[in-house]
Amino acid sequence: MLSKYKKQAAPPWQRKLVLLLGSLCAATFLLFVVWAVILFIDWARVDDCLDKGGSYDYELGVCDFEANHVMPIE
C-alpha cells in the first residue's frame, strides 16, 4: 500500500511573509473602504440637496435655495 503523506509545517520565513502580505492587503482594503465612505457621504449630501429642490454650492459646501450653482469642471 501507499505510505501516508506527512505534511511538514511551513518554515518561519513563509509564515512571516504570509502575515506581512495579508496585513498589507487588509490595510489597503481598509483605506479603500474609508475613501469610498467619504465619497459616498459627499455624494449623498449633494443628492439630498437636489432632491429637496435646492442647488448645491460646491465652493461653500452648502445647499442653496436662492441661486443656481454649476458644478465646477476640474
N, C-alpha and C. Protein backbone atom coordinates (compact mmCIF):
# COMPACT_ATOMS: atom_id res chain seq x y z
N MET A 1 0.82 -1.19 0.00
CA MET A 1 0.00 0.00 0.00
C MET A 1 0.87 1.26 0.00
N LEU A 2 0.20 2.36 -0.22
CA LEU A 2 0.91 3.64 -0.24
C LEU A 2 1.21 4.09 1.19
N SER A 3 2.36 4.66 1.35
CA SER A 3 2.69 5.18 2.68
C SER A 3 1.96 6.50 2.90
N LYS A 4 1.65 6.79 4.13
CA LYS A 4 0.90 8.00 4.47
C LYS A 4 1.80 9.23 4.31
N TYR A 5 1.24 10.26 3.70
CA TYR A 5 1.99 11.50 3.47
C TYR A 5 2.01 12.32 4.76
N LYS A 6 3.18 12.72 5.16
CA LYS A 6 3.32 13.56 6.36
C LYS A 6 3.57 14.99 5.93
N LYS A 7 2.61 15.83 6.21
CA LYS A 7 2.73 17.24 5.84
C LYS A 7 3.68 17.94 6.80
N GLN A 8 4.60 18.69 6.22
CA GLN A 8 5.55 19.43 7.05
C GLN A 8 5.04 20.85 7.25
N ALA A 9 5.36 21.41 8.39
CA ALA A 9 4.97 22.79 8.69
C ALA A 9 5.78 23.75 7.80
N ALA A 10 5.16 24.88 7.49
CA ALA A 10 5.83 25.89 6.69
C ALA A 10 6.98 26.49 7.49
N PRO A 11 8.07 26.85 6.80
CA PRO A 11 9.18 27.49 7.52
C PRO A 11 8.75 28.84 8.10
N PRO A 12 9.43 29.30 9.12
CA PRO A 12 9.05 30.57 9.77
C PRO A 12 9.04 31.76 8.82
N TRP A 13 9.97 31.81 7.85
CA TRP A 13 10.00 32.96 6.95
C TRP A 13 8.76 32.99 6.06
N GLN A 14 8.20 31.83 5.71
CA GLN A 14 6.99 31.81 4.90
C GLN A 14 5.78 32.29 5.71
N ARG A 15 5.72 31.88 6.96
CA ARG A 15 4.61 32.33 7.80
C ARG A 15 4.66 33.84 8.01
N LYS A 16 5.87 34.38 8.19
CA LYS A 16 6.01 35.83 8.35
C LYS A 16 5.64 36.57 7.07
N LEU A 17 6.01 36.01 5.92
CA LEU A 17 5.69 36.63 4.64
C LEU A 17 4.18 36.64 4.41
N VAL A 18 3.52 35.54 4.70
CA VAL A 18 2.07 35.48 4.55
C VAL A 18 1.39 36.47 5.48
N LEU A 19 1.87 36.58 6.70
CA LEU A 19 1.31 37.54 7.66
C LEU A 19 1.52 38.98 7.19
N LEU A 20 2.71 39.27 6.67
CA LEU A 20 3.00 40.61 6.17
C LEU A 20 2.13 40.96 4.96
N LEU A 21 2.05 40.05 4.00
CA LEU A 21 1.24 40.31 2.81
C LEU A 21 -0.24 40.40 3.14
N GLY A 22 -0.70 39.57 4.05
CA GLY A 22 -2.09 39.65 4.49
C GLY A 22 -2.39 40.97 5.18
N SER A 23 -1.47 41.43 5.99
CA SER A 23 -1.65 42.72 6.67
C SER A 23 -1.67 43.88 5.68
N LEU A 24 -0.80 43.83 4.69
CA LEU A 24 -0.78 44.89 3.67
C LEU A 24 -2.07 44.90 2.87
N CYS A 25 -2.56 43.73 2.51
CA CYS A 25 -3.84 43.65 1.78
C CYS A 25 -4.99 44.17 2.63
N ALA A 26 -5.01 43.81 3.90
CA ALA A 26 -6.07 44.27 4.79
C ALA A 26 -6.02 45.78 4.98
N ALA A 27 -4.83 46.35 5.13
CA ALA A 27 -4.69 47.79 5.29
C ALA A 27 -5.12 48.53 4.02
N THR A 28 -4.75 47.99 2.86
CA THR A 28 -5.15 48.60 1.59
C THR A 28 -6.66 48.57 1.44
N PHE A 29 -7.27 47.44 1.76
CA PHE A 29 -8.72 47.32 1.67
C PHE A 29 -9.40 48.27 2.63
N LEU A 30 -8.88 48.41 3.84
CA LEU A 30 -9.46 49.33 4.82
C LEU A 30 -9.38 50.77 4.33
N LEU A 31 -8.27 51.17 3.76
CA LEU A 31 -8.14 52.54 3.22
C LEU A 31 -9.11 52.76 2.07
N PHE A 32 -9.29 51.76 1.23
CA PHE A 32 -10.24 51.87 0.12
C PHE A 32 -11.66 52.04 0.65
N VAL A 33 -12.02 51.30 1.68
CA VAL A 33 -13.37 51.40 2.26
C VAL A 33 -13.58 52.78 2.86
N VAL A 34 -12.60 53.29 3.58
CA VAL A 34 -12.72 54.63 4.17
C VAL A 34 -12.88 55.68 3.07
N TRP A 35 -12.09 55.58 2.02
CA TRP A 35 -12.19 56.52 0.88
C TRP A 35 -13.56 56.44 0.23
N ALA A 36 -14.09 55.24 0.05
CA ALA A 36 -15.40 55.07 -0.58
C ALA A 36 -16.51 55.64 0.30
N VAL A 37 -16.41 55.47 1.61
CA VAL A 37 -17.42 56.01 2.52
C VAL A 37 -17.40 57.53 2.49
N ILE A 38 -16.22 58.12 2.45
CA ILE A 38 -16.11 59.59 2.39
C ILE A 38 -16.74 60.11 1.10
N LEU A 39 -16.46 59.45 -0.02
CA LEU A 39 -17.07 59.88 -1.28
C LEU A 39 -18.58 59.70 -1.26
N PHE A 40 -19.05 58.61 -0.68
CA PHE A 40 -20.49 58.37 -0.62
C PHE A 40 -21.19 59.42 0.23
N ILE A 41 -20.59 59.80 1.35
CA ILE A 41 -21.20 60.81 2.21
C ILE A 41 -21.31 62.14 1.47
N ASP A 42 -20.26 62.51 0.74
CA ASP A 42 -20.29 63.76 -0.04
C ASP A 42 -21.35 63.68 -1.13
N TRP A 43 -21.43 62.56 -1.82
CA TRP A 43 -22.43 62.40 -2.87
C TRP A 43 -23.84 62.45 -2.29
N ALA A 44 -24.05 61.83 -1.14
CA ALA A 44 -25.37 61.81 -0.50
C ALA A 44 -25.79 63.21 -0.08
N ARG A 45 -24.85 64.02 0.37
CA ARG A 45 -25.16 65.40 0.77
C ARG A 45 -25.65 66.21 -0.44
N VAL A 46 -24.96 66.07 -1.57
CA VAL A 46 -25.36 66.79 -2.78
C VAL A 46 -26.70 66.27 -3.28
N ASP A 47 -26.88 64.95 -3.29
CA ASP A 47 -28.13 64.35 -3.77
C ASP A 47 -29.32 64.78 -2.91
N ASP A 48 -29.12 64.84 -1.61
CA ASP A 48 -30.20 65.26 -0.72
C ASP A 48 -30.61 66.70 -1.00
N CYS A 49 -29.64 67.55 -1.25
CA CYS A 49 -29.93 68.96 -1.58
C CYS A 49 -30.73 69.05 -2.88
N LEU A 50 -30.31 68.31 -3.89
CA LEU A 50 -31.01 68.37 -5.17
C LEU A 50 -32.40 67.77 -5.07
N ASP A 51 -32.58 66.74 -4.26
CA ASP A 51 -33.91 66.15 -4.07
C ASP A 51 -34.87 67.12 -3.39
N LYS A 52 -34.35 68.00 -2.56
CA LYS A 52 -35.19 68.98 -1.88
C LYS A 52 -35.48 70.20 -2.75
N GLY A 53 -34.91 70.24 -3.96
CA GLY A 53 -35.17 71.34 -4.88
C GLY A 53 -34.16 72.46 -4.80
N GLY A 54 -33.08 72.26 -4.09
CA GLY A 54 -32.05 73.28 -3.97
C GLY A 54 -30.95 73.12 -5.00
N SER A 55 -29.99 73.99 -4.91
CA SER A 55 -28.81 73.95 -5.76
C SER A 55 -27.60 73.89 -4.84
N TYR A 56 -26.72 72.94 -5.07
CA TYR A 56 -25.58 72.75 -4.17
C TYR A 56 -24.44 73.68 -4.57
N ASP A 57 -23.99 74.48 -3.61
CA ASP A 57 -22.86 75.38 -3.83
C ASP A 57 -21.59 74.60 -3.47
N TYR A 58 -20.86 74.18 -4.50
CA TYR A 58 -19.68 73.34 -4.29
C TYR A 58 -18.52 74.10 -3.65
N GLU A 59 -18.46 75.41 -3.85
CA GLU A 59 -17.37 76.19 -3.26
C GLU A 59 -17.55 76.33 -1.75
N LEU A 60 -18.78 76.56 -1.30
CA LEU A 60 -19.05 76.73 0.13
C LEU A 60 -19.46 75.41 0.79
N GLY A 61 -19.90 74.45 -0.01
CA GLY A 61 -20.32 73.17 0.53
C GLY A 61 -21.65 73.23 1.25
N VAL A 62 -22.57 74.07 0.75
CA VAL A 62 -23.89 74.21 1.38
C VAL A 62 -24.98 74.12 0.31
N CYS A 63 -26.17 73.82 0.78
CA CYS A 63 -27.34 73.77 -0.10
C CYS A 63 -27.94 75.17 -0.18
N ASP A 64 -28.20 75.64 -1.38
CA ASP A 64 -28.71 76.99 -1.58
C ASP A 64 -30.05 76.90 -2.31
N PHE A 65 -31.08 77.52 -1.72
CA PHE A 65 -32.41 77.51 -2.34
C PHE A 65 -32.70 78.81 -3.07
N GLU A 66 -31.76 79.75 -3.07
CA GLU A 66 -31.97 81.05 -3.69
C GLU A 66 -31.39 81.14 -5.10
N ALA A 67 -30.16 80.69 -5.28
CA ALA A 67 -29.47 80.85 -6.56
C ALA A 67 -29.07 79.49 -7.12
N ASN A 68 -28.90 79.45 -8.45
CA ASN A 68 -28.42 78.24 -9.10
C ASN A 68 -26.89 78.24 -9.13
N HIS A 69 -26.31 77.09 -8.89
CA HIS A 69 -24.86 76.94 -8.93
C HIS A 69 -24.53 75.82 -9.91
N VAL A 70 -23.44 75.99 -10.62
CA VAL A 70 -23.00 74.93 -11.53
C VAL A 70 -21.84 74.16 -10.89
N MET A 71 -21.75 72.91 -11.27
CA MET A 71 -20.66 72.08 -10.75
C MET A 71 -19.37 72.50 -11.41
N PRO A 72 -18.32 72.77 -10.64
CA PRO A 72 -17.05 73.19 -11.23
C PRO A 72 -16.43 72.06 -12.04
N ILE A 73 -15.85 72.40 -13.17
CA ILE A 73 -15.17 71.41 -14.02
C ILE A 73 -13.71 71.42 -13.63
N GLU A 74 -13.20 70.25 -13.29
CA GLU A 74 -11.81 70.17 -12.85
C GLU A 74 -10.90 69.73 -13.97
